[in-house]
Amino acid sequence: PGMKRVLFNEASIFEETQEPVLLVEGVFDSFPYWPNVAAFLGKPTSQHYDVLVKAKRPLVVVLDADAHVEGWAFAAQLKMAGLTVGFVRLTDGNDPASVDSEWLKFKAKESLNNTF
């Protein structure tokens, strides 16, 4: 239960840059995208939302494929708060660590220009 308030590499969301930070579920998902990544250590919570609405850079939500609906909804909440937010849906059975990292970084930047 204590993990609901923790965002692994939280400091990355406060860097003032236009390079997006990927929001993923787990620490192992974050390794290929370091340092432009933060991990929920599970699924996103209202406590995570309270931290992320203070972000200084674009955010892209990329949850595991089995959580794409939850990820889309969380990204929409952040976008409605006025943040620059993207969302990438992974194909079934995949997570951010199992796909090509260059492909995902490209899709993340591309998603910032799309509505969802």
N, C-alpha and C. Protein backbone atom coordinates (compact mmCIF):
# COMPACT_ATOMS: atom_id res chain seq x y z
N PRO A 1 0.80 -1.22 0.00
CA PRO A 1 0.00 0.00 0.00
C PRO A 1 0.84 1.28 0.00
N GLY A 2 2.00 1.26 0.64
CA GLY A 2 2.85 2.45 0.69
C GLY A 2 3.37 2.87 -0.66
N MET A 3 3.44 1.95 -1.62
CA MET A 3 3.96 2.25 -2.95
C MET A 3 3.03 3.16 -3.74
N LYS A 4 1.78 3.29 -3.34
CA LYS A 4 0.84 4.11 -4.09
C LYS A 4 1.25 5.57 -4.14
N ARG A 5 2.12 6.00 -3.24
CA ARG A 5 2.56 7.39 -3.23
C ARG A 5 3.92 7.58 -3.86
N VAL A 6 4.55 6.51 -4.30
CA VAL A 6 5.90 6.58 -4.82
C VAL A 6 5.88 6.59 -6.34
N LEU A 7 6.69 7.45 -6.93
CA LEU A 7 6.88 7.48 -8.37
C LEU A 7 8.37 7.34 -8.60
N PHE A 8 8.80 6.20 -9.09
CA PHE A 8 10.22 5.95 -9.32
C PHE A 8 10.75 6.96 -10.33
N ASN A 9 11.84 7.63 -9.99
CA ASN A 9 12.46 8.69 -10.79
C ASN A 9 11.53 9.89 -10.94
N GLU A 10 10.84 10.21 -9.88
CA GLU A 10 9.91 11.34 -9.86
C GLU A 10 10.57 12.64 -10.28
N ALA A 11 11.82 12.83 -9.94
CA ALA A 11 12.52 14.08 -10.27
C ALA A 11 12.51 14.36 -11.77
N SER A 12 12.43 13.32 -12.59
CA SER A 12 12.47 13.53 -14.04
C SER A 12 11.29 14.35 -14.55
N ILE A 13 10.16 14.30 -13.88
CA ILE A 13 8.99 15.03 -14.39
C ILE A 13 9.09 16.53 -14.15
N PHE A 14 10.02 16.94 -13.30
CA PHE A 14 10.17 18.35 -12.97
C PHE A 14 11.27 19.05 -13.76
N GLU A 15 11.97 18.30 -14.62
CA GLU A 15 12.98 18.92 -15.48
C GLU A 15 12.26 19.74 -16.54
N GLU A 16 12.73 20.95 -16.78
CA GLU A 16 12.09 21.80 -17.79
C GLU A 16 12.72 21.53 -19.14
N THR A 17 12.02 20.71 -19.93
CA THR A 17 12.44 20.33 -21.26
C THR A 17 11.22 19.93 -22.06
N GLN A 18 11.35 19.91 -23.37
CA GLN A 18 10.26 19.45 -24.22
C GLN A 18 10.38 17.95 -24.55
N GLU A 19 11.43 17.31 -24.07
CA GLU A 19 11.59 15.87 -24.24
C GLU A 19 10.57 15.18 -23.33
N PRO A 20 9.72 14.31 -23.89
CA PRO A 20 8.70 13.69 -23.05
C PRO A 20 9.30 12.67 -22.07
N VAL A 21 8.62 12.52 -20.97
CA VAL A 21 8.97 11.48 -20.01
C VAL A 21 7.91 10.38 -20.14
N LEU A 22 8.35 9.14 -20.27
CA LEU A 22 7.43 8.02 -20.36
C LEU A 22 7.00 7.61 -18.96
N LEU A 23 5.71 7.35 -18.79
CA LEU A 23 5.17 6.88 -17.52
C LEU A 23 4.82 5.41 -17.69
N VAL A 24 5.55 4.56 -16.98
CA VAL A 24 5.40 3.11 -17.12
C VAL A 24 5.03 2.50 -15.78
N GLU A 25 4.68 1.20 -15.79
CA GLU A 25 4.26 0.56 -14.55
C GLU A 25 5.41 0.21 -13.62
N GLY A 26 6.45 -0.43 -14.14
CA GLY A 26 7.47 -0.97 -13.25
C GLY A 26 8.87 -0.48 -13.51
N VAL A 27 9.72 -0.70 -12.54
CA VAL A 27 11.12 -0.27 -12.62
C VAL A 27 11.82 -0.94 -13.80
N PHE A 28 11.58 -2.23 -14.01
CA PHE A 28 12.26 -2.92 -15.11
C PHE A 28 11.80 -2.37 -16.47
N ASP A 29 10.56 -1.90 -16.55
CA ASP A 29 10.09 -1.27 -17.78
C ASP A 29 10.81 0.04 -18.05
N SER A 30 11.34 0.66 -17.02
CA SER A 30 11.96 1.97 -17.17
C SER A 30 13.39 1.93 -17.70
N PHE A 31 14.10 0.83 -17.50
CA PHE A 31 15.53 0.79 -17.83
C PHE A 31 15.87 1.21 -19.26
N PRO A 32 15.16 0.73 -20.29
CA PRO A 32 15.55 1.13 -21.66
C PRO A 32 15.35 2.61 -21.97
N TYR A 33 14.63 3.34 -21.12
CA TYR A 33 14.27 4.72 -21.43
C TYR A 33 14.89 5.73 -20.49
N TRP A 34 15.79 5.26 -19.63
CA TRP A 34 16.46 6.11 -18.66
C TRP A 34 17.21 7.22 -19.34
N PRO A 35 17.15 8.44 -18.90
CA PRO A 35 16.53 8.99 -17.71
C PRO A 35 15.15 9.60 -17.94
N ASN A 36 14.63 9.48 -19.17
CA ASN A 36 13.37 10.14 -19.52
C ASN A 36 12.16 9.23 -19.25
N VAL A 37 12.07 8.77 -18.01
CA VAL A 37 11.04 7.82 -17.65
C VAL A 37 10.76 7.91 -16.15
N ALA A 38 9.52 7.62 -15.78
CA ALA A 38 9.14 7.49 -14.37
C ALA A 38 8.21 6.28 -14.28
N ALA A 39 8.27 5.57 -13.16
CA ALA A 39 7.48 4.36 -13.01
C ALA A 39 6.53 4.47 -11.82
N PHE A 40 5.31 4.00 -12.03
CA PHE A 40 4.29 4.04 -10.98
C PHE A 40 4.53 3.02 -9.88
N LEU A 41 5.29 1.98 -10.15
CA LEU A 41 5.46 0.85 -9.23
C LEU A 41 4.11 0.17 -9.01
N GLY A 42 3.44 -0.06 -10.10
CA GLY A 42 2.10 -0.63 -10.11
C GLY A 42 1.23 0.17 -11.06
N LYS A 43 -0.02 0.25 -10.76
CA LYS A 43 -0.96 1.03 -11.57
C LYS A 43 -1.03 2.47 -11.05
N PRO A 44 -1.37 3.43 -11.92
CA PRO A 44 -1.46 4.82 -11.48
C PRO A 44 -2.59 5.02 -10.46
N THR A 45 -2.33 5.92 -9.52
CA THR A 45 -3.29 6.21 -8.45
C THR A 45 -3.58 7.71 -8.40
N SER A 46 -4.51 8.08 -7.56
CA SER A 46 -4.82 9.51 -7.40
C SER A 46 -3.62 10.25 -6.80
N GLN A 47 -2.82 9.57 -5.98
CA GLN A 47 -1.62 10.20 -5.43
C GLN A 47 -0.61 10.49 -6.54
N HIS A 48 -0.48 9.58 -7.49
CA HIS A 48 0.39 9.84 -8.64
C HIS A 48 -0.13 11.05 -9.43
N TYR A 49 -1.43 11.09 -9.63
CA TYR A 49 -2.04 12.21 -10.36
C TYR A 49 -1.68 13.54 -9.69
N ASP A 50 -1.78 13.58 -8.37
CA ASP A 50 -1.50 14.81 -7.63
C ASP A 50 -0.07 15.30 -7.86
N VAL A 51 0.86 14.39 -8.04
CA VAL A 51 2.25 14.74 -8.32
C VAL A 51 2.40 15.14 -9.79
N LEU A 52 1.82 14.35 -10.69
CA LEU A 52 2.02 14.56 -12.12
C LEU A 52 1.41 15.85 -12.64
N VAL A 53 0.38 16.36 -12.02
CA VAL A 53 -0.21 17.62 -12.51
C VAL A 53 0.75 18.80 -12.32
N LYS A 54 1.83 18.59 -11.61
CA LYS A 54 2.85 19.63 -11.41
C LYS A 54 4.02 19.46 -12.38
N ALA A 55 3.91 18.54 -13.32
CA ALA A 55 5.00 18.25 -14.26
C ALA A 55 5.40 19.47 -15.08
N LYS A 56 6.68 19.56 -15.39
CA LYS A 56 7.23 20.68 -16.16
C LYS A 56 7.55 20.29 -17.59
N ARG A 57 7.17 19.07 -17.99
CA ARG A 57 7.52 18.59 -19.33
C ARG A 57 6.39 17.69 -19.84
N PRO A 58 6.39 17.37 -21.12
CA PRO A 58 5.36 16.47 -21.66
C PRO A 58 5.44 15.08 -21.02
N LEU A 59 4.28 14.46 -20.89
CA LEU A 59 4.17 13.12 -20.32
C LEU A 59 3.54 12.19 -21.35
N VAL A 60 4.01 10.94 -21.38
CA VAL A 60 3.40 9.94 -22.24
C VAL A 60 3.15 8.69 -21.41
N VAL A 61 1.89 8.30 -21.32
CA VAL A 61 1.50 7.12 -20.54
C VAL A 61 1.65 5.88 -21.42
N VAL A 62 2.44 4.91 -20.94
CA VAL A 62 2.68 3.67 -21.67
C VAL A 62 2.62 2.51 -20.67
N LEU A 63 1.41 2.07 -20.38
CA LEU A 63 1.26 0.94 -19.47
C LEU A 63 1.38 -0.37 -20.24
N ASP A 64 1.50 -1.47 -19.51
CA ASP A 64 1.53 -2.79 -20.14
C ASP A 64 0.26 -2.96 -20.97
N ALA A 65 0.33 -3.81 -21.99
CA ALA A 65 -0.80 -3.98 -22.92
C ALA A 65 -2.10 -4.34 -22.21
N ASP A 66 -2.02 -5.15 -21.16
CA ASP A 66 -3.25 -5.57 -20.47
C ASP A 66 -3.90 -4.45 -19.68
N ALA A 67 -3.25 -3.30 -19.58
CA ALA A 67 -3.79 -2.17 -18.82
C ALA A 67 -4.03 -0.95 -19.72
N HIS A 68 -4.20 -1.19 -21.03
CA HIS A 68 -4.30 -0.06 -21.95
C HIS A 68 -5.51 0.83 -21.69
N VAL A 69 -6.64 0.27 -21.28
CA VAL A 69 -7.82 1.09 -21.01
C VAL A 69 -7.56 2.01 -19.81
N GLU A 70 -6.98 1.45 -18.78
CA GLU A 70 -6.64 2.24 -17.59
C GLU A 70 -5.61 3.32 -17.93
N GLY A 71 -4.63 2.98 -18.76
CA GLY A 71 -3.62 3.95 -19.17
C GLY A 71 -4.21 5.08 -19.98
N TRP A 72 -5.11 4.74 -20.90
CA TRP A 72 -5.77 5.76 -21.72
C TRP A 72 -6.56 6.71 -20.84
N ALA A 73 -7.32 6.16 -19.89
CA ALA A 73 -8.14 6.98 -19.00
C ALA A 73 -7.28 7.90 -18.14
N PHE A 74 -6.16 7.39 -17.64
CA PHE A 74 -5.27 8.21 -16.82
C PHE A 74 -4.67 9.33 -17.66
N ALA A 75 -4.25 9.01 -18.88
CA ALA A 75 -3.70 10.04 -19.77
C ALA A 75 -4.74 11.11 -20.06
N ALA A 76 -5.99 10.70 -20.26
CA ALA A 76 -7.06 11.66 -20.53
C ALA A 76 -7.27 12.59 -19.33
N GLN A 77 -7.20 12.05 -18.13
CA GLN A 77 -7.33 12.89 -16.92
C GLN A 77 -6.24 13.95 -16.87
N LEU A 78 -5.00 13.52 -17.14
CA LEU A 78 -3.89 14.46 -17.12
C LEU A 78 -4.03 15.53 -18.20
N LYS A 79 -4.52 15.12 -19.36
CA LYS A 79 -4.71 16.05 -20.46
C LYS A 79 -5.80 17.07 -20.11
N MET A 80 -6.86 16.61 -19.46
CA MET A 80 -7.93 17.53 -19.06
C MET A 80 -7.46 18.53 -18.00
N ALA A 81 -6.38 18.19 -17.31
CA ALA A 81 -5.81 19.11 -16.33
C ALA A 81 -4.93 20.17 -17.00
N GLY A 82 -4.80 20.09 -18.32
CA GLY A 82 -4.05 21.10 -19.05
C GLY A 82 -2.62 20.74 -19.37
N LEU A 83 -2.22 19.50 -19.10
CA LEU A 83 -0.86 19.07 -19.38
C LEU A 83 -0.72 18.62 -20.83
N THR A 84 0.51 18.63 -21.31
CA THR A 84 0.81 18.05 -22.62
C THR A 84 1.03 16.57 -22.38
N VAL A 85 0.12 15.75 -22.90
CA VAL A 85 0.11 14.32 -22.59
C VAL A 85 -0.13 13.51 -23.85
N GLY A 86 0.58 12.40 -23.95
CA GLY A 86 0.36 11.44 -25.01
C GLY A 86 0.06 10.08 -24.40
N PHE A 87 -0.33 9.15 -25.26
CA PHE A 87 -0.65 7.79 -24.84
C PHE A 87 -0.23 6.84 -25.95
N VAL A 88 0.45 5.76 -25.57
CA VAL A 88 0.82 4.72 -26.53
C VAL A 88 0.22 3.41 -26.05
N ARG A 89 -0.54 2.77 -26.94
CA ARG A 89 -1.10 1.45 -26.65
C ARG A 89 -0.18 0.40 -27.23
N LEU A 90 0.27 -0.51 -26.38
CA LEU A 90 1.13 -1.60 -26.82
C LEU A 90 0.27 -2.79 -27.26
N THR A 91 0.81 -3.61 -28.14
CA THR A 91 0.07 -4.79 -28.60
C THR A 91 0.02 -5.84 -27.51
N ASP A 92 -0.96 -6.71 -27.61
CA ASP A 92 -1.19 -7.75 -26.60
C ASP A 92 0.08 -8.49 -26.21
N GLY A 93 0.25 -8.66 -24.91
CA GLY A 93 1.37 -9.40 -24.37
C GLY A 93 2.64 -8.60 -24.20
N ASN A 94 2.62 -7.34 -24.58
CA ASN A 94 3.83 -6.52 -24.49
C ASN A 94 3.79 -5.53 -23.33
N ASP A 95 4.99 -5.14 -22.91
CA ASP A 95 5.17 -4.06 -21.95
C ASP A 95 6.31 -3.21 -22.48
N PRO A 96 6.55 -2.04 -21.90
CA PRO A 96 7.58 -1.15 -22.44
C PRO A 96 8.97 -1.78 -22.56
N ALA A 97 9.31 -2.73 -21.72
CA ALA A 97 10.63 -3.35 -21.78
C ALA A 97 10.72 -4.43 -22.85
N SER A 98 9.59 -4.87 -23.41
CA SER A 98 9.62 -5.97 -24.38
C SER A 98 9.53 -5.50 -25.83
N VAL A 99 9.36 -4.20 -26.04
CA VAL A 99 9.29 -3.68 -27.40
C VAL A 99 10.58 -2.94 -27.73
N ASP A 100 10.79 -2.67 -29.01
CA ASP A 100 11.97 -1.93 -29.44
C ASP A 100 11.93 -0.52 -28.84
N SER A 101 12.95 -0.16 -28.09
CA SER A 101 12.94 1.12 -27.37
C SER A 101 12.94 2.32 -28.32
N GLU A 102 13.61 2.22 -29.45
CA GLU A 102 13.62 3.34 -30.40
C GLU A 102 12.23 3.53 -31.01
N TRP A 103 11.56 2.42 -31.31
CA TRP A 103 10.19 2.50 -31.82
C TRP A 103 9.29 3.18 -30.81
N LEU A 104 9.39 2.77 -29.54
CA LEU A 104 8.51 3.33 -28.52
C LEU A 104 8.80 4.81 -28.28
N LYS A 105 10.06 5.21 -28.30
CA LYS A 105 10.38 6.63 -28.14
C LYS A 105 9.79 7.45 -29.29
N PHE A 106 9.85 6.90 -30.51
CA PHE A 106 9.26 7.57 -31.67
C PHE A 106 7.75 7.68 -31.51
N LYS A 107 7.09 6.58 -31.14
CA LYS A 107 5.64 6.57 -30.96
C LYS A 107 5.21 7.52 -29.83
N ALA A 108 6.03 7.61 -28.79
CA ALA A 108 5.73 8.50 -27.68
C ALA A 108 5.70 9.95 -28.16
N LYS A 109 6.73 10.36 -28.89
CA LYS A 109 6.76 11.74 -29.40
C LYS A 109 5.62 11.99 -30.37
N GLU A 110 5.35 11.01 -31.21
CA GLU A 110 4.26 11.12 -32.18
C GLU A 110 2.91 11.28 -31.47
N SER A 111 2.73 10.58 -30.36
CA SER A 111 1.46 10.62 -29.65
C SER A 111 1.14 12.00 -29.08
N LEU A 112 2.14 12.80 -28.87
CA LEU A 112 1.92 14.13 -28.32
C LEU A 112 1.19 15.03 -29.31
N ASN A 113 1.24 14.68 -30.59
CA ASN A 113 0.59 15.46 -31.62
C ASN A 113 -0.78 14.93 -32.01
N ASN A 114 -1.18 13.82 -31.40
CA ASN A 114 -2.46 13.19 -31.74
C ASN A 114 -3.47 13.38 -30.62
N THR A 115 -4.71 13.37 -30.99
CA THR A 115 -5.76 13.35 -29.98
C THR A 115 -6.09 11.90 -29.69
N PHE A 116 -6.56 11.64 -28.51
CA PHE A 116 -6.92 10.26 -28.17
C PHE A 116 -8.20 10.26 -27.39
